[in-house]
Each structure stands twice: as structure tokens, then as C-alpha cells.
Amino acid sequence: MTLKIVVPHLPESVSDATLIAWHKKVGDSVMKNDSLVDLETDKVTLEVVAPESGILREILKTNGAIVTSGEVLAVFEIKNIHVETPQISDENDDFDNPLTPSIRRLLREHDLDASKIIGTGKDGRLTKVDVLDVVNQRALQEAEVIAPVSEPVMTEPLKELEPSTPLANLRPEQRVPMTRLRAKVSERLLQAQQNAAMLTTFNEVNMQNVMDLRNQYKTRFEQKHSVKLGFMSFFVKASIEALKRFPVINASIDDNDIIYHGFYDIGIAVSTEKGLIVPVLRDADQLDFAGIEQSIVDFGEKTRAGRLSYDDLKGGTFTITNGGVFGSMLSTPILNPPQSAILGMHAIKERAVVENGQIVIRPIMYLALSYDHRLVDGRDAVQFLVTIKECLESPAHLLLNI
């Protein structure tokens, strides 16, 4: 029995996708849920898997092809087959670590045993990063064996470079096309700068109380909730409190109308190799600290494994971006249209500040709020940022809801 492998349904906002790479060749035997091909849209990378075990009989679309929803990619023959996979043998069937198709493919390609790799995901699950770490470590070990242990001996002096020697290889260049995601990021950034009256206001926050609270309870927090207590949950909670006080910053412009959102979907900007993506915490005001931290961890795992869906990315009423993880001291984040504001976090540095007439050293973070001045007045933007500062410098506000 044969069936057609087609492009999955794409949302209305996505017209087409680019075929990145086939993972199987014509004639290959394939197990159910094995990865067949990757498709890239301007938002996410989609993995098309085998619906049943069988043989790939014909490939109709090659790498680089532009495809649309429902378009036929290949012809597949359903057949009862057995593919030798010693690295994922029957003895591992009871191993409580469900594997995604992309992870199974990596394990097969590099002849790795899943049960011998320590998973860092939720409940000890294996992630794509865990497997890639093992692959990279093996490559480094092999390189160390091959690498020379001493400087090479010069048997004769270097000859003077001849005038006719080509110099092109001394100034290499490489031209590659933008990925769909990078192109979409570029388009949205230009759109934000061209279509909004963007302005940025700054403030600084003393992180001492948040750090003390986190250090005091982080062990008990992790033991109870099985997730680490980070800084982002404090910023999400503080942002929600400020958004409640200044609802215009949670609003957006639609032509000549202002849409005030009665919910708080907070986007968390994540940097990936292909570009910036912003998964969204739905109804973040209804999540506790543990729920926020777990959601962020889940987003990270899905991003690394290439499993983010459109639902994870669409919408959002406010965005938080953290350049501090890369060492940024100060920046002016660009709006995420059609949102009216974005909060920028930065690196925490010990700085001299004055408290009660005394110069003391405190862990200080600079905050930046970029906003659309067409909708948000400067007073609201400044007071919004001051509210976040107050909430973070007195975390009891967040915990006691006062």
C-alpha cells in the first residue's frame, strides 16, 4: 500500500515553506516516526515524520524547493520492515525517556546508546542538546588523538612569497542565502522602526533583595518544583504588576483603533542560531513562579530540539528580552509589532551607589523600556519602569500581591 507524504497544514499567516533537507534517500527503509524531511517557514522549522514503517519510493521535491500546505513531497510504501538499531535496542524499551524523531535520528547516525547519556530535560528526559554534547565531546577527543604533540620541525627556511602567488585565499568570503527565519526577523525589525514612533527610557534596579531571596530559597524551590528558580520569573511577575497599573502598555494599535488586551501573554525573546524567536507565556498572570520557570525551561528544550509550534509563537501582548546573558550592559530593544512596548534586561554588575548618605557596593542592573510613542506617553512609560523597579527592589510586593 502506498501513500503520499504531504506538507503539513500551515497557518493562514504562513503562505509557504522551504524544503531544507531530506534525511532519507529513495529506497531507504524507514521506521514509523522517523524524520523524513525538514521544512523551514519564516517562524519555525517543521519536521515531517514517517506515518508508518515502510520504504521511501519516490522524492518529488528537492532541497530548496518552495512548498505549500498539502503539496505532495514524496511517495511512501507502507511495509512491515525491521531496521537494525542496536543503539536503541529492546533492552531500552523500558528506559523512561521518550525520544523525539530527531533525537533518534542523531543516535542512529552517531551510533550512540540513549541509555548511556544523561538527560538534562524535564524528569531526566534526553534532549537534542544532550546528544549533540556527546557527539562534540567525542569529536574533540578524536581531534586530540590526531593533533601533533609538538611543533613541526622546519627542514628549510620559508621561501619568499612569489609575486604570482594567488592572494584570493588570504581574504576568503562566503555568500549564503538568508534563512526564512532570519529574513522574517529582518523584515519585522525594519517594520518596527518604520511604522512606530519608537522611544526608549532607562532606569536601574538594585537586585540585592531578589538575589538574597533567590539564594535563600532556591534549593527548597528546586526540591519542591523540580525546576530552578531564575531571575526571569521575578521580571515576568513585576512586568505583569506594572501592566495592570498601566494597561496602555499592554495594548496595541490596529489602524485607527486602540486594542486594550484584558489578558497578559508575555513573550520571552530567545536567541537561536537561525535568528531571534519569541515564544509566548499564555495567561502569565495565572502562573506562579514555578509555572513560569517550568514554561521557560520547556520553551528552551523545544527550541533546541526544533519542536516549537506556531501556537508557541503567535500573539503576545508584551515582550521581555535579556541581553544580560550575553554580557550586554545597556541596549535599546526594538519593538515586537504590533506590541507597544518591550522590556530589556541587562547584565548584573556590582556598582557604587549611595544609600542613606553612604557609598556602598550593590548588584545593579540597567533596565530599558522601548515603547511606541504614538500610543504610550512618556509619563506612563517612565512610571511603568519605576513600578518594575519597585517590585524588584521589594519582592514582598510580588509575593504578597500588594
Protein backbone atom coordinates (compact mmCIF):
# COMPACT_ATOMS: atom_id res chain seq x y z
CA MET A 1 0.00 0.00 0.00
CA THR A 2 1.37 3.41 -0.93
CA LEU A 3 0.58 6.81 0.46
CA LYS A 4 1.63 10.39 -0.20
CA ILE A 5 3.84 12.40 2.16
CA VAL A 6 2.47 15.93 2.10
CA VAL A 7 3.32 19.33 3.56
CA PRO A 8 1.60 19.74 6.95
CA HIS A 9 -1.12 22.35 7.32
CA LEU A 10 0.36 25.84 7.52
CA PRO A 11 -1.41 28.67 9.37
CA GLU A 12 -3.10 31.41 7.34
CA SER A 13 -0.29 33.82 8.19
CA VAL A 14 2.28 31.49 6.55
CA SER A 15 1.90 31.09 2.80
CA ASP A 16 4.68 28.60 2.08
CA ALA A 17 7.76 26.80 3.41
CA THR A 18 11.24 25.96 2.14
CA LEU A 19 12.40 22.34 2.00
CA ILE A 20 15.70 22.32 3.89
CA ALA A 21 16.94 18.74 3.79
CA TRP A 22 15.86 15.15 3.26
CA HIS A 23 17.08 12.73 5.92
CA LYS A 24 16.26 9.64 3.85
CA LYS A 25 17.05 8.57 0.28
CA VAL A 26 14.86 6.80 -2.25
CA GLY A 27 14.80 3.13 -1.38
CA ASP A 28 15.64 3.61 2.30
CA SER A 29 13.76 1.54 4.86
CA VAL A 30 12.12 3.78 7.41
CA MET A 31 10.59 3.11 10.82
CA LYS A 32 7.40 4.82 11.98
CA ASN A 33 8.03 8.36 13.31
CA ASP A 34 11.49 8.53 11.77
CA SER A 35 12.30 12.00 10.46
CA LEU A 36 11.93 12.22 6.69
CA VAL A 37 12.42 15.89 5.83
CA ASP A 38 12.73 19.32 7.44
CA LEU A 39 10.71 22.32 6.24
CA GLU A 40 11.53 25.88 7.25
CA THR A 41 8.99 28.70 7.44
CA ASP A 42 9.57 32.28 8.49
CA LYS A 43 8.69 31.29 12.06
CA VAL A 44 9.66 27.69 12.84
CA THR A 45 11.27 24.58 11.39
CA LEU A 46 8.82 21.73 10.80
CA GLU A 47 9.85 18.09 10.96
CA VAL A 48 7.87 15.71 8.73
CA VAL A 49 7.99 12.14 10.02
CA ALA A 50 7.07 8.78 8.58
CA PRO A 51 3.41 7.95 9.37
CA GLU A 52 4.15 4.20 9.30
CA SER A 53 7.07 1.86 8.78
CA GLY A 54 7.95 1.30 5.15
CA ILE A 55 10.12 2.33 2.22
CA LEU A 56 10.61 5.75 0.64
CA ARG A 57 9.79 5.07 -3.00
CA GLU A 58 9.96 8.49 -4.67
CA ILE A 59 11.01 12.04 -3.75
CA LEU A 60 9.06 14.70 -5.64
CA LYS A 61 10.50 17.88 -4.08
CA THR A 62 14.22 18.52 -3.75
CA ASN A 63 16.20 20.63 -1.29
CA GLY A 64 15.47 24.33 -1.62
CA ALA A 65 12.01 23.85 -3.12
CA ILE A 66 9.23 26.22 -2.05
CA VAL A 67 6.16 24.21 -1.00
CA THR A 68 2.66 24.95 0.28
CA SER A 69 0.15 23.23 2.56
CA GLY A 70 -0.96 19.83 1.26
CA GLU A 71 1.61 19.70 -1.54
CA VAL A 72 3.00 16.21 -2.16
CA LEU A 73 6.62 15.77 -1.12
CA ALA A 74 7.17 12.06 -1.67
CA VAL A 75 5.60 8.65 -2.28
CA PHE A 76 5.85 6.17 0.58
CA GLU A 77 5.14 2.43 0.63
CA ILE A 78 3.83 1.00 3.89
CA LYS A 79 5.61 -2.24 4.65
CA ASN A 80 6.45 -4.31 7.69
CA ILE A 81 10.19 -3.95 7.99
CA HIS A 82 12.84 -4.26 10.63
CA VAL A 83 15.60 -1.68 10.80
CA GLU A 84 18.67 -2.62 12.80
CA THR A 85 19.09 -0.03 15.55
CA PRO A 86 21.44 -1.57 18.15
CA GLN A 87 21.85 1.75 19.91
CA ILE A 88 18.12 1.75 20.72
CA SER A 89 17.57 -1.94 21.29
CA ASP A 90 14.71 -3.73 23.01
CA GLU A 91 16.50 -3.50 26.33
CA ASN A 92 15.97 0.25 26.15
CA ASP A 93 12.22 -0.01 25.61
CA ASP A 94 11.67 0.26 29.34
CA PHE A 95 14.01 3.24 29.59
CA ASP A 96 11.76 6.05 30.84
CA ASN A 97 13.00 8.61 28.35
CA PRO A 98 10.67 9.19 25.35
CA LEU A 99 12.72 10.20 22.32
CA THR A 100 11.72 12.58 19.55
CA PRO A 101 12.32 11.52 15.93
CA SER A 102 15.20 14.00 15.55
CA ILE A 103 16.93 12.60 18.65
CA ARG A 104 16.51 9.01 17.45
CA ARG A 105 18.00 10.01 14.11
CA LEU A 106 21.04 11.56 15.82
CA LEU A 107 21.53 8.45 17.93
CA ARG A 108 21.48 6.24 14.85
CA GLU A 109 23.76 8.48 12.80
CA HIS A 110 26.42 8.56 15.51
CA ASP A 111 25.92 5.02 16.84
CA LEU A 112 25.04 6.13 20.38
CA ASP A 113 23.14 4.35 23.15
CA ALA A 114 20.38 6.52 24.64
CA SER A 115 20.53 4.74 28.00
CA LYS A 116 24.17 5.79 28.44
CA ILE A 117 23.53 9.51 28.00
CA ILE A 118 22.43 11.61 30.96
CA GLY A 119 19.33 13.65 30.11
CA THR A 120 19.05 17.24 31.31
CA GLY A 121 15.43 17.78 30.30
CA LYS A 122 12.33 17.59 32.43
CA ASP A 123 12.25 14.42 34.56
CA GLY A 124 15.67 13.48 33.19
CA ARG A 125 14.48 13.28 29.60
CA LEU A 126 17.02 13.24 26.82
CA THR A 127 17.23 16.43 24.75
CA LYS A 128 18.83 17.09 21.38
CA VAL A 129 21.48 19.20 23.12
CA ASP A 130 22.45 16.25 25.36
CA VAL A 131 23.13 14.10 22.30
CA LEU A 132 25.00 16.87 20.47
CA ASP A 133 27.17 17.43 23.55
CA VAL A 134 28.23 13.76 23.45
CA VAL A 135 28.87 13.98 19.70
CA ASN A 136 31.00 17.12 20.13
CA GLN A 137 32.90 15.63 23.05
CA ARG A 138 33.73 12.54 21.00
CA ALA A 139 34.91 14.73 18.11
CA LEU A 140 37.17 16.71 20.45
CA GLN A 141 38.66 13.53 21.87
CA GLU A 142 39.37 12.20 18.39
CA ALA A 143 40.94 15.53 17.42
CA GLU A 144 43.22 15.42 20.46
CA VAL A 145 44.48 11.99 19.43
CA ILE A 146 45.21 13.12 15.88
CA ALA A 147 46.69 16.51 16.77
CA PRO A 148 50.52 16.76 16.88
CA VAL A 149 52.05 16.90 20.35
CA SER A 150 54.96 19.13 19.39
CA GLU A 151 55.81 21.91 16.98
CA PRO A 152 56.75 20.71 13.49
CA VAL A 153 60.46 20.85 12.67
CA MET A 154 61.38 23.24 9.86
CA THR A 155 63.67 21.41 7.42
CA GLU A 156 64.31 24.53 5.37
CA PRO A 157 63.61 28.26 5.65
CA LEU A 158 60.34 29.62 4.33
CA LYS A 159 60.58 30.78 0.75
CA GLU A 160 59.76 34.37 -0.05
CA LEU A 161 56.26 34.68 -1.46
CA GLU A 162 56.38 34.80 -5.24
CA PRO A 163 54.58 37.74 -6.85
CA SER A 164 52.49 35.35 -8.92
CA THR A 165 51.15 33.52 -5.85
CA PRO A 166 47.34 33.97 -5.73
CA LEU A 167 46.20 36.01 -2.73
CA ALA A 168 42.47 35.29 -3.00
CA ASN A 169 42.64 32.55 -0.36
CA LEU A 170 44.04 35.08 2.14
CA ARG A 171 40.80 37.10 2.06
CA PRO A 172 38.05 34.48 1.97
CA GLU A 173 34.39 35.31 1.52
CA GLN A 174 31.28 33.21 1.60
CA ARG A 175 27.86 34.13 0.28
CA VAL A 176 24.90 32.22 1.69
CA PRO A 177 21.17 32.92 1.40
CA MET A 178 19.28 34.14 4.47
CA THR A 179 17.21 31.53 6.24
CA ARG A 180 13.47 32.11 6.18
CA LEU A 181 13.57 32.92 9.90
CA ARG A 182 16.42 35.44 9.55
CA ALA A 183 14.66 37.12 6.63
CA LYS A 184 11.43 37.40 8.63
CA VAL A 185 13.31 38.84 11.62
CA SER A 186 14.90 41.44 9.34
CA GLU A 187 11.52 42.34 7.88
CA ARG A 188 9.88 42.75 11.29
CA LEU A 189 12.73 44.83 12.69
CA LEU A 190 12.53 47.23 9.76
CA GLN A 191 8.75 47.30 10.08
CA ALA A 192 9.04 48.22 13.76
CA GLN A 193 11.41 51.10 13.06
CA GLN A 194 9.47 52.44 10.08
CA ASN A 195 5.92 52.12 11.40
CA ALA A 196 6.27 53.13 15.06
CA ALA A 197 7.38 56.26 16.90
CA MET A 198 9.85 54.28 18.97
CA LEU A 199 11.46 55.77 22.06
CA THR A 200 13.39 54.22 24.95
CA THR A 201 13.51 55.13 28.63
CA PHE A 202 16.01 53.75 31.13
CA ASN A 203 16.30 53.04 34.83
CA GLU A 204 18.41 50.95 37.17
CA VAL A 205 17.38 48.39 39.74
CA ASN A 206 19.17 47.15 42.84
CA MET A 207 18.98 43.36 42.57
CA GLN A 208 20.26 42.69 46.10
CA ASN A 209 16.90 41.72 47.64
CA VAL A 210 15.94 39.47 44.72
CA MET A 211 19.35 37.77 44.85
CA ASP A 212 19.13 37.29 48.63
CA LEU A 213 15.62 35.85 48.35
CA ARG A 214 16.65 33.58 45.50
CA ASN A 215 19.75 32.33 47.32
CA GLN A 216 17.74 31.68 50.47
CA TYR A 217 15.04 29.57 48.83
CA LYS A 218 16.48 28.26 45.56
CA THR A 219 17.37 24.83 46.97
CA ARG A 220 13.95 24.27 48.56
CA PHE A 221 12.28 25.68 45.46
CA GLU A 222 14.08 23.23 43.18
CA GLN A 223 13.41 20.29 45.51
CA LYS A 224 9.68 21.03 45.58
CA HIS A 225 9.08 22.06 41.98
CA SER A 226 11.91 20.20 40.13
CA VAL A 227 12.91 23.40 38.36
CA LYS A 228 15.49 26.07 39.20
CA LEU A 229 14.45 29.49 40.46
CA GLY A 230 15.84 32.03 37.99
CA PHE A 231 15.56 35.78 37.61
CA MET A 232 13.12 35.74 34.70
CA SER A 233 10.13 34.74 36.84
CA PHE A 234 10.69 37.82 39.02
CA PHE A 235 10.75 40.05 35.93
CA VAL A 236 7.65 38.43 34.46
CA LYS A 237 5.76 38.93 37.73
CA ALA A 238 6.98 42.53 38.06
CA SER A 239 6.02 43.25 34.44
CA ILE A 240 2.51 41.88 34.94
CA GLU A 241 2.02 44.06 38.01
CA ALA A 242 3.18 47.12 36.04
CA LEU A 243 0.97 46.19 33.06
CA LYS A 244 -2.06 46.03 35.35
CA ARG A 245 -1.33 49.55 36.59
CA PHE A 246 -0.64 50.90 33.08
CA PRO A 247 -2.91 48.94 30.68
CA VAL A 248 -1.99 51.14 27.71
CA ILE A 249 1.41 49.41 27.63
CA ASN A 250 -0.40 46.08 27.25
CA ALA A 251 -2.38 47.50 24.32
CA SER A 252 -1.74 47.67 20.58
CA ILE A 253 -2.71 49.84 17.61
CA ASP A 254 -4.90 48.49 14.80
CA ASP A 255 -5.27 51.16 12.12
CA ASN A 256 -7.08 53.99 13.92
CA ASP A 257 -8.18 51.83 16.87
CA ILE A 258 -6.52 51.00 20.16
CA ILE A 259 -6.96 47.41 21.35
CA TYR A 260 -6.73 47.01 25.12
CA HIS A 261 -5.94 43.40 25.97
CA GLY A 262 -7.55 42.02 29.12
CA PHE A 263 -5.00 39.21 29.38
CA TYR A 264 -1.24 39.01 29.80
CA ASP A 265 0.59 36.92 27.20
CA ILE A 266 4.26 37.60 27.80
CA GLY A 267 6.79 36.92 25.03
CA ILE A 268 10.25 35.78 26.09
CA ALA A 269 12.83 36.60 23.40
CA VAL A 270 15.18 33.68 22.70
CA SER A 271 18.29 33.85 20.52
CA THR A 272 18.90 30.85 18.26
CA GLU A 273 21.45 30.03 15.57
CA LYS A 274 18.88 30.90 12.91
CA GLY A 275 17.67 34.13 14.49
CA LEU A 276 15.53 35.62 17.23
CA ILE A 277 12.28 33.91 18.18
CA VAL A 278 9.73 34.90 20.83
CA PRO A 279 7.75 32.05 22.43
CA VAL A 280 4.78 33.30 24.45
CA LEU A 281 3.73 32.56 28.04
CA ARG A 282 -0.07 32.40 27.78
CA ASP A 283 -2.05 33.94 30.66
CA ALA A 284 1.18 34.55 32.53
CA ASP A 285 -0.70 36.31 35.32
CA GLN A 286 -2.27 32.97 36.26
CA LEU A 287 1.12 31.22 36.62
CA ASP A 288 3.09 31.08 39.85
CA PHE A 289 6.88 31.36 39.95
CA ALA A 290 7.32 27.63 39.39
CA GLY A 291 4.90 27.65 36.45
CA ILE A 292 6.78 30.50 34.79
CA GLU A 293 10.18 28.87 35.28
CA GLN A 294 8.95 25.50 34.01
CA SER A 295 7.39 27.10 30.94
CA ILE A 296 10.67 28.83 30.14
CA VAL A 297 12.58 25.55 30.53
CA ASP A 298 10.08 23.80 28.25
CA PHE A 299 10.48 26.53 25.63
CA GLY A 300 14.26 26.14 25.79
CA GLU A 301 14.06 22.38 25.27
CA LYS A 302 11.60 22.71 22.40
CA THR A 303 13.76 25.39 20.78
CA ARG A 304 16.92 23.27 20.94
CA ALA A 305 15.06 20.22 19.66
CA GLY A 306 13.38 22.21 16.86
CA ARG A 307 9.88 21.40 18.16
CA LEU A 308 8.43 24.88 18.66
CA SER A 309 4.97 25.17 17.11
CA TYR A 310 3.12 28.15 15.66
CA ASP A 311 0.93 28.24 18.74
CA ASP A 312 4.05 28.74 20.88
CA LEU A 313 5.00 31.85 18.91
CA LYS A 314 1.83 33.62 17.84
CA GLY A 315 0.29 36.54 19.69
CA GLY A 316 1.79 38.13 22.77
CA THR A 317 0.91 41.45 24.37
CA PHE A 318 4.31 42.38 25.86
CA THR A 319 7.87 41.11 25.40
CA ILE A 320 10.89 40.72 27.67
CA THR A 321 14.39 40.28 26.24
CA ASN A 322 17.51 39.52 28.27
CA GLY A 323 20.73 40.72 26.69
CA GLY A 324 22.44 40.29 30.04
CA VAL A 325 23.05 36.60 29.39
CA PHE A 326 25.47 37.69 26.65
CA GLY A 327 27.09 40.38 28.81
CA SER A 328 25.17 43.40 27.49
CA MET A 329 25.37 46.39 29.84
CA LEU A 330 22.81 48.59 28.07
CA SER A 331 20.77 48.48 24.88
CA THR A 332 17.66 49.86 23.20
CA PRO A 333 15.47 46.85 22.34
CA ILE A 334 13.34 47.07 19.21
CA LEU A 335 9.56 46.66 19.43
CA ASN A 336 7.91 43.37 18.57
CA PRO A 337 4.97 44.51 16.37
CA PRO A 338 2.10 45.02 16.97
CA GLN A 339 3.01 45.28 20.66
CA SER A 340 3.51 48.75 22.08
CA ALA A 341 6.45 48.07 24.40
CA ILE A 342 9.36 45.74 25.16
CA LEU A 343 11.46 45.42 28.33
CA GLY A 344 15.21 44.93 28.05
CA MET A 345 17.16 43.24 30.86
CA HIS A 346 20.94 43.53 31.10
CA ALA A 347 23.92 42.18 32.97
CA ILE A 348 24.04 42.50 36.77
CA LYS A 349 27.21 44.33 37.80
CA GLU A 350 28.50 45.47 41.18
CA ARG A 351 28.43 49.27 41.22
CA ALA A 352 28.93 52.04 43.75
CA VAL A 353 25.62 53.58 44.84
CA VAL A 354 24.59 55.97 47.61
CA GLU A 355 22.31 54.65 50.37
CA ASN A 356 21.47 56.80 53.39
CA GLY A 357 24.36 59.11 52.59
CA GLN A 358 26.87 56.25 52.36
CA ILE A 359 28.61 54.86 49.28
CA VAL A 360 28.02 51.10 49.12
CA ILE A 361 28.52 48.36 46.55
CA ARG A 362 25.33 46.82 45.18
CA PRO A 363 24.45 44.46 42.30
CA ILE A 364 22.85 46.79 39.78
CA MET A 365 21.02 46.02 36.55
CA TYR A 366 20.16 48.66 33.96
CA LEU A 367 16.65 48.34 32.53
CA ALA A 368 15.41 49.68 29.19
CA LEU A 369 11.82 50.09 28.06
CA SER A 370 11.28 50.78 24.38
CA TYR A 371 7.74 51.91 23.55
CA ASP A 372 5.56 53.23 20.75
CA HIS A 373 5.14 56.94 21.47
CA ARG A 374 2.06 57.06 19.25
CA LEU A 375 0.20 55.16 21.94
CA VAL A 376 2.27 55.41 25.13
CA ASP A 377 3.04 58.78 26.71
CA GLY A 378 6.45 59.33 28.28
CA ARG A 379 4.92 59.66 31.74
CA ASP A 380 3.28 56.24 31.54
CA ALA A 381 6.46 54.65 30.21
CA VAL A 382 8.62 56.12 32.99
CA GLN A 383 6.14 55.19 35.73
CA PHE A 384 5.80 51.71 34.28
CA LEU A 385 9.55 51.19 34.54
CA VAL A 386 9.59 52.68 38.07
CA THR A 387 6.90 50.16 39.06
CA ILE A 388 9.06 47.29 37.86
CA LYS A 389 12.00 48.75 39.79
CA GLU A 390 9.92 49.00 42.98
CA CYS A 391 8.61 45.44 42.65
CA LEU A 392 12.09 44.02 42.19
CA GLU A 393 13.73 46.04 44.95
CA SER A 394 10.92 44.99 47.33
CA PRO A 395 9.98 41.44 46.23
CA ALA A 396 7.37 41.28 49.02
CA HIS A 397 5.16 43.30 46.63
CA LEU A 398 5.17 40.32 44.25
CA LEU A 399 4.77 37.65 46.92
CA LEU A 400 2.06 39.41 48.95
CA ASN A 401 0.31 40.98 45.93
CA ILE A 402 0.40 44.48 47.46
